[in-house]
Amino acid sequence: YQDDMNSSAVELLKMEEELREALTDNQLELHYQPLVNSMTGELSGLEALVRWNHPERGMISPAAFIPVAEQTGQIIELTSWVFREAIKDCNIWEQAGFSDFKISINISALEFNHDDLASHITSLFDDVTFNKRRVQLELTESAIMTDAQANIKKLSELCDLGVTLAVDDFGTGYSSLSYLRQFPINVLKID
């Protein structure tokens, strides 16, 4: 036993409880990173990035709360929140005349490993009115490479929904471009 083990566990429990409150008390907000066509300079998409504006501690880095969300299983609820809010914002922008872009949403490795990911994404679309072809789901290279053969099926199920698939952080793992040809992906984001 070491004192720091206890303090780490207490901090994790506190962060888990505060994150639960953040999801229900409107402490989370989305920031959008523009994706720009380098040839034309036009906006081709936006990546939705979640931020936590804690009422006492101010802005908490995603590097601090995303691992907690993954470790505690709250990442699925967090991703669902991001999805619904991003689609709501896109619908507002579309009504204002801005509709020719994709919205990119990150899917964690933990969520990707669930067998019912495609049905979960389908249920999120059931709650909103939005063109599925304008949604891009981002998965990390390490997530899709863990069990490549099984993940080809999962990725195909997601493609069948009509969404675009992107591999994020390519180059941080051990896969090769030739191996990626087996995956039904549309976009490769090189680290």
C-alpha atoms as a PDB file:
ATOM      1  CA  TYR A   1       0.000   0.000   0.000  1.00  0.00           C
ATOM      2  CA  GLN A   2       1.115   3.539  -0.794  1.00  0.00           C
ATOM      3  CA  ASP A   3      -0.669   6.792   0.044  1.00  0.00           C
ATOM      4  CA  ASP A   4      -0.621   7.941  -3.582  1.00  0.00           C
ATOM      5  CA  MET A   5      -2.599   4.832  -4.590  1.00  0.00           C
ATOM      6  CA  ASN A   6      -5.443   5.908  -2.322  1.00  0.00           C
ATOM      7  CA  SER A   7      -5.345   9.526  -3.480  1.00  0.00           C
ATOM      8  CA  SER A   8      -5.419   8.395  -7.137  1.00  0.00           C
ATOM      9  CA  ALA A   9      -8.474   6.235  -6.475  1.00  0.00           C
ATOM     10  CA  VAL A  10     -10.227   9.051  -4.632  1.00  0.00           C
ATOM     11  CA  GLU A  11      -9.421  11.499  -7.457  1.00  0.00           C
ATOM     12  CA  LEU A  12     -10.767   9.046 -10.045  1.00  0.00           C
ATOM     13  CA  LEU A  13     -14.023   8.622  -8.109  1.00  0.00           C
ATOM     14  CA  LYS A  14     -14.370  12.384  -7.715  1.00  0.00           C
ATOM     15  CA  MET A  15     -13.723  13.012 -11.418  1.00  0.00           C
ATOM     16  CA  GLU A  16     -16.212  10.255 -12.347  1.00  0.00           C
ATOM     17  CA  GLU A  17     -18.920  11.831 -10.189  1.00  0.00           C
ATOM     18  CA  GLU A  18     -18.177  15.347 -11.468  1.00  0.00           C
ATOM     19  CA  LEU A  19     -18.221  14.136 -15.069  1.00  0.00           C
ATOM     20  CA  ARG A  20     -21.630  12.561 -14.475  1.00  0.00           C
ATOM     21  CA  GLU A  21     -22.810  15.957 -13.210  1.00  0.00           C
ATOM     22  CA  ALA A  22     -21.184  17.692 -16.194  1.00  0.00           C
ATOM     23  CA  LEU A  23     -23.248  15.561 -18.568  1.00  0.00           C
ATOM     24  CA  THR A  24     -26.506  16.560 -16.882  1.00  0.00           C
ATOM     25  CA  ASP A  25     -25.714  20.144 -15.795  1.00  0.00           C
ATOM     26  CA  ASN A  26     -24.681  21.652 -19.157  1.00  0.00           C
ATOM     27  CA  GLN A  27     -21.016  21.967 -18.211  1.00  0.00           C
ATOM     28  CA  LEU A  28     -19.865  20.440 -21.489  1.00  0.00           C
ATOM     29  CA  GLU A  29     -19.487  22.409 -24.675  1.00  0.00           C
ATOM     30  CA  LEU A  30     -18.420  21.687 -28.197  1.00  0.00           C
ATOM     31  CA  HIS A  31     -15.629  23.453 -29.982  1.00  0.00           C
ATOM     32  CA  TYR A  32     -15.201  22.937 -33.695  1.00  0.00           C
ATOM     33  CA  GLN A  33     -11.958  22.514 -35.557  1.00  0.00           C
ATOM     34  CA  PRO A  34     -12.364  23.469 -39.213  1.00  0.00           C
ATOM     35  CA  LEU A  35     -11.291  21.080 -41.939  1.00  0.00           C
ATOM     36  CA  VAL A  36     -10.242  23.105 -44.967  1.00  0.00           C
ATOM     37  CA  ASN A  37      -9.707  21.980 -48.551  1.00  0.00           C
ATOM     38  CA  SER A  38      -6.070  22.907 -49.171  1.00  0.00           C
ATOM     39  CA  MET A  39      -6.666  23.295 -52.920  1.00  0.00           C
ATOM     40  CA  THR A  40      -9.646  25.660 -52.743  1.00  0.00           C
ATOM     41  CA  GLY A  41      -9.397  27.084 -49.229  1.00  0.00           C
ATOM     42  CA  GLU A  42     -13.057  26.227 -48.684  1.00  0.00           C
ATOM     43  CA  LEU A  43     -14.488  24.690 -45.534  1.00  0.00           C
ATOM     44  CA  SER A  44     -15.027  20.970 -46.135  1.00  0.00           C
ATOM     45  CA  GLY A  45     -15.909  19.920 -42.616  1.00  0.00           C
ATOM     46  CA  LEU A  46     -15.771  20.454 -38.898  1.00  0.00           C
ATOM     47  CA  GLU A  47     -14.443  18.181 -36.187  1.00  0.00           C
ATOM     48  CA  ALA A  48     -16.516  18.292 -33.007  1.00  0.00           C
ATOM     49  CA  LEU A  49     -14.298  18.459 -29.926  1.00  0.00           C
ATOM     50  CA  VAL A  50     -15.792  18.257 -26.435  1.00  0.00           C
ATOM     51  CA  ARG A  51     -14.622  20.617 -23.717  1.00  0.00           C
ATOM     52  CA  TRP A  52     -15.518  20.654 -20.027  1.00  0.00           C
ATOM     53  CA  ASN A  53     -16.103  24.020 -18.406  1.00  0.00           C
ATOM     54  CA  HIS A  54     -16.147  23.052 -14.733  1.00  0.00           C
ATOM     55  CA  PRO A  55     -17.984  25.592 -12.520  1.00  0.00           C
ATOM     56  CA  GLU A  56     -15.148  25.698  -9.970  1.00  0.00           C
ATOM     57  CA  ARG A  57     -12.009  24.518 -11.780  1.00  0.00           C
ATOM     58  CA  GLY A  58     -12.639  26.208 -15.125  1.00  0.00           C
ATOM     59  CA  MET A  59     -11.720  24.468 -18.364  1.00  0.00           C
ATOM     60  CA  ILE A  60     -10.580  20.893 -17.802  1.00  0.00           C
ATOM     61  CA  SER A  61      -8.362  19.440 -20.486  1.00  0.00           C
ATOM     62  CA  PRO A  62      -9.780  16.539 -22.507  1.00  0.00           C
ATOM     63  CA  ALA A  63      -6.499  14.783 -21.696  1.00  0.00           C
ATOM     64  CA  ALA A  64      -7.675  14.751 -18.073  1.00  0.00           C
ATOM     65  CA  PHE A  65     -11.312  13.709 -18.451  1.00  0.00           C
ATOM     66  CA  ILE A  66     -11.471  11.543 -21.601  1.00  0.00           C
ATOM     67  CA  PRO A  67      -9.321   8.767 -20.050  1.00  0.00           C
ATOM     68  CA  VAL A  68     -11.566   8.851 -16.968  1.00  0.00           C
ATOM     69  CA  ALA A  69     -14.647   8.605 -19.184  1.00  0.00           C
ATOM     70  CA  GLU A  70     -13.103   5.629 -20.974  1.00  0.00           C
ATOM     71  CA  GLN A  71     -12.017   3.929 -17.760  1.00  0.00           C
ATOM     72  CA  THR A  72     -15.441   4.322 -16.139  1.00  0.00           C
ATOM     73  CA  GLY A  73     -17.513   3.543 -19.246  1.00  0.00           C
ATOM     74  CA  GLN A  74     -18.968   7.068 -19.386  1.00  0.00           C
ATOM     75  CA  ILE A  75     -17.391   7.542 -22.804  1.00  0.00           C
ATOM     76  CA  ILE A  76     -20.444   6.045 -24.513  1.00  0.00           C
ATOM     77  CA  GLU A  77     -22.771   8.578 -22.888  1.00  0.00           C
ATOM     78  CA  LEU A  78     -20.256  11.337 -23.617  1.00  0.00           C
ATOM     79  CA  THR A  79     -20.014  10.362 -27.303  1.00  0.00           C
ATOM     80  CA  SER A  80     -23.806  10.250 -27.536  1.00  0.00           C
ATOM     81  CA  TRP A  81     -23.969  13.761 -26.074  1.00  0.00           C
ATOM     82  CA  VAL A  82     -21.358  15.009 -28.573  1.00  0.00           C
ATOM     83  CA  PHE A  83     -23.249  13.382 -31.440  1.00  0.00           C
ATOM     84  CA  ARG A  84     -26.619  14.926 -30.518  1.00  0.00           C
ATOM     85  CA  GLU A  85     -25.172  18.397 -29.860  1.00  0.00           C
ATOM     86  CA  ALA A  86     -23.080  18.413 -33.041  1.00  0.00           C
ATOM     87  CA  ILE A  87     -26.085  17.421 -35.154  1.00  0.00           C
ATOM     88  CA  LYS A  88     -28.216  20.070 -33.437  1.00  0.00           C
ATOM     89  CA  ASP A  89     -25.579  22.728 -34.235  1.00  0.00           C
ATOM     90  CA  CYS A  90     -25.303  21.525 -37.843  1.00  0.00           C
ATOM     91  CA  ASN A  91     -29.064  21.762 -38.279  1.00  0.00           C
ATOM     92  CA  ILE A  92     -28.931  25.378 -37.061  1.00  0.00           C
ATOM     93  CA  TRP A  93     -26.111  26.176 -39.494  1.00  0.00           C
ATOM     94  CA  GLU A  94     -27.969  24.436 -42.306  1.00  0.00           C
ATOM     95  CA  GLN A  95     -31.039  26.619 -41.705  1.00  0.00           C
ATOM     96  CA  ALA A  96     -28.699  29.617 -41.939  1.00  0.00           C
ATOM     97  CA  GLY A  97     -27.497  28.433 -45.359  1.00  0.00           C
ATOM     98  CA  PHE A  98     -24.298  26.566 -44.435  1.00  0.00           C
ATOM     99  CA  SER A  99     -24.830  22.965 -45.442  1.00  0.00           C
ATOM    100  CA  ASP A 100     -21.998  21.827 -47.677  1.00  0.00           C
ATOM    101  CA  PHE A 101     -19.696  20.256 -45.086  1.00  0.00           C
ATOM    102  CA  LYS A 102     -19.248  17.092 -43.032  1.00  0.00           C
ATOM    103  CA  ILE A 103     -19.284  16.892 -39.253  1.00  0.00           C
ATOM    104  CA  SER A 104     -16.600  14.659 -37.792  1.00  0.00           C
ATOM    105  CA  ILE A 105     -17.167  12.866 -34.468  1.00  0.00           C
ATOM    106  CA  ASN A 106     -14.576  10.812 -32.615  1.00  0.00           C
ATOM    107  CA  ILE A 107     -15.390   7.283 -31.500  1.00  0.00           C
ATOM    108  CA  SER A 108     -13.244   5.913 -28.680  1.00  0.00           C
ATOM    109  CA  ALA A 109     -11.543   2.534 -28.846  1.00  0.00           C
ATOM    110  CA  LEU A 110     -13.689   1.372 -25.935  1.00  0.00           C
ATOM    111  CA  GLU A 111     -16.886   2.255 -27.784  1.00  0.00           C
ATOM    112  CA  PHE A 112     -15.591   0.757 -31.029  1.00  0.00           C
ATOM    113  CA  ASN A 113     -15.005  -2.559 -29.240  1.00  0.00           C
ATOM    114  CA  HIS A 114     -18.689  -2.908 -28.320  1.00  0.00           C
ATOM    115  CA  ASP A 115     -20.478  -5.410 -30.539  1.00  0.00           C
ATOM    116  CA  ASP A 116     -23.536  -3.187 -30.891  1.00  0.00           C
ATOM    117  CA  LEU A 117     -21.769  -0.038 -32.137  1.00  0.00           C
ATOM    118  CA  ALA A 118     -23.657   0.093 -35.446  1.00  0.00           C
ATOM    119  CA  SER A 119     -27.033  -0.270 -33.716  1.00  0.00           C
ATOM    120  CA  HIS A 120     -26.025   2.386 -31.180  1.00  0.00           C
ATOM    121  CA  ILE A 121     -25.113   4.829 -33.981  1.00  0.00           C
ATOM    122  CA  THR A 122     -28.394   3.955 -35.713  1.00  0.00           C
ATOM    123  CA  SER A 123     -30.308   4.779 -32.539  1.00  0.00           C
ATOM    124  CA  LEU A 124     -28.551   8.154 -32.347  1.00  0.00           C
ATOM    125  CA  PHE A 125     -29.734   8.913 -35.888  1.00  0.00           C
ATOM    126  CA  ASP A 126     -33.262   7.905 -34.875  1.00  0.00           C
ATOM    127  CA  ASP A 127     -33.239  10.815 -32.400  1.00  0.00           C
ATOM    128  CA  VAL A 128     -32.274  13.478 -34.975  1.00  0.00           C
ATOM    129  CA  THR A 129     -33.036  14.622 -38.479  1.00  0.00           C
ATOM    130  CA  PHE A 130     -29.787  14.738 -40.402  1.00  0.00           C
ATOM    131  CA  ASN A 131     -28.239  13.337 -43.581  1.00  0.00           C
ATOM    132  CA  LYS A 132     -26.053  10.400 -42.518  1.00  0.00           C
ATOM    133  CA  ARG A 133     -23.709  11.017 -45.445  1.00  0.00           C
ATOM    134  CA  ARG A 134     -22.638  14.274 -43.800  1.00  0.00           C
ATOM    135  CA  VAL A 135     -21.375  12.459 -40.680  1.00  0.00           C
ATOM    136  CA  GLN A 136     -17.796  11.256 -40.479  1.00  0.00           C
ATOM    137  CA  LEU A 137     -16.863   8.902 -37.656  1.00  0.00           C
ATOM    138  CA  GLU A 138     -13.216   9.031 -36.613  1.00  0.00           C
ATOM    139  CA  LEU A 139     -11.492   5.979 -35.198  1.00  0.00           C
ATOM    140  CA  THR A 140      -7.859   5.751 -34.183  1.00  0.00           C
ATOM    141  CA  GLU A 141      -5.451   3.489 -35.986  1.00  0.00           C
ATOM    142  CA  SER A 142      -4.802   1.554 -32.769  1.00  0.00           C
ATOM    143  CA  ALA A 143      -8.542   0.910 -32.280  1.00  0.00           C
ATOM    144  CA  ILE A 144      -9.100  -0.660 -35.679  1.00  0.00           C
ATOM    145  CA  MET A 145      -5.865  -2.661 -35.648  1.00  0.00           C
ATOM    146  CA  THR A 146      -6.475  -4.550 -32.384  1.00  0.00           C
ATOM    147  CA  ASP A 147      -8.424  -7.341 -34.103  1.00  0.00           C
ATOM    148  CA  ALA A 148      -8.210  -6.398 -37.753  1.00  0.00           C
ATOM    149  CA  GLN A 149     -10.290  -9.250 -39.205  1.00  0.00           C
ATOM    150  CA  ALA A 150     -13.182  -8.761 -36.780  1.00  0.00           C
ATOM    151  CA  ASN A 151     -12.986  -4.990 -37.195  1.00  0.00           C
ATOM    152  CA  ILE A 152     -13.399  -5.195 -40.966  1.00  0.00           C
ATOM    153  CA  LYS A 153     -16.924  -6.475 -40.277  1.00  0.00           C
ATOM    154  CA  LYS A 154     -17.637  -3.694 -37.760  1.00  0.00           C
ATOM    155  CA  LEU A 155     -16.366  -1.040 -40.146  1.00  0.00           C
ATOM    156  CA  SER A 156     -18.490  -2.504 -42.958  1.00  0.00           C
ATOM    157  CA  GLU A 157     -21.573  -2.317 -40.722  1.00  0.00           C
ATOM    158  CA  LEU A 158     -20.829   1.359 -40.060  1.00  0.00           C
ATOM    159  CA  CYS A 159     -20.328   2.012 -43.785  1.00  0.00           C
ATOM    160  CA  ASP A 160     -23.687   0.379 -44.462  1.00  0.00           C
ATOM    161  CA  LEU A 161     -25.271   3.100 -42.317  1.00  0.00           C
ATOM    162  CA  GLY A 162     -24.128   5.671 -44.861  1.00  0.00           C
ATOM    163  CA  VAL A 163     -21.551   7.477 -42.741  1.00  0.00           C
ATOM    164  CA  THR A 164     -17.987   8.280 -43.773  1.00  0.00           C
ATOM    165  CA  LEU A 165     -15.189   6.565 -41.852  1.00  0.00           C
ATOM    166  CA  ALA A 166     -11.869   8.177 -41.037  1.00  0.00           C
ATOM    167  CA  VAL A 167      -8.761   6.710 -39.451  1.00  0.00           C
ATOM    168  CA  ASP A 168      -7.203   9.244 -37.101  1.00  0.00           C
ATOM    169  CA  ASP A 169      -3.610   9.267 -35.819  1.00  0.00           C
ATOM    170  CA  PHE A 170      -2.349   7.065 -38.628  1.00  0.00           C
ATOM    171  CA  GLY A 171       1.373   6.503 -38.231  1.00  0.00           C
ATOM    172  CA  THR A 172       1.338   6.171 -34.453  1.00  0.00           C
ATOM    173  CA  GLY A 173       0.881   2.385 -34.605  1.00  0.00           C
ATOM    174  CA  TYR A 174       2.318  -0.444 -36.636  1.00  0.00           C
ATOM    175  CA  SER A 175      -0.032  -0.780 -39.582  1.00  0.00           C
ATOM    176  CA  SER A 176       0.919  -0.172 -43.161  1.00  0.00           C
ATOM    177  CA  LEU A 177      -0.909   1.556 -45.980  1.00  0.00           C
ATOM    178  CA  SER A 178      -1.223  -1.743 -47.831  1.00  0.00           C
ATOM    179  CA  TYR A 179      -2.900  -3.334 -44.802  1.00  0.00           C
ATOM    180  CA  LEU A 180      -5.363  -0.455 -44.554  1.00  0.00           C
ATOM    181  CA  ARG A 181      -6.641  -1.264 -48.042  1.00  0.00           C
ATOM    182  CA  GLN A 182      -8.597  -4.107 -46.454  1.00  0.00           C
ATOM    183  CA  PHE A 183     -10.632  -1.664 -44.387  1.00  0.00           C
ATOM    184  CA  PRO A 184     -13.673   0.186 -45.822  1.00  0.00           C
ATOM    185  CA  ILE A 185     -12.395   3.615 -44.835  1.00  0.00           C
ATOM    186  CA  ASN A 186     -12.831   6.904 -46.668  1.00  0.00           C
ATOM    187  CA  VAL A 187     -10.346   9.246 -44.997  1.00  0.00           C
ATOM    188  CA  LEU A 188      -6.858   8.772 -43.599  1.00  0.00           C
ATOM    189  CA  LYS A 189      -5.598  11.404 -41.152  1.00  0.00           C
ATOM    190  CA  ILE A 190      -1.845  11.098 -40.876  1.00  0.00           C
ATOM    191  CA  ASP A 191      -0.344  11.907 -37.494  1.00  0.00           C
END
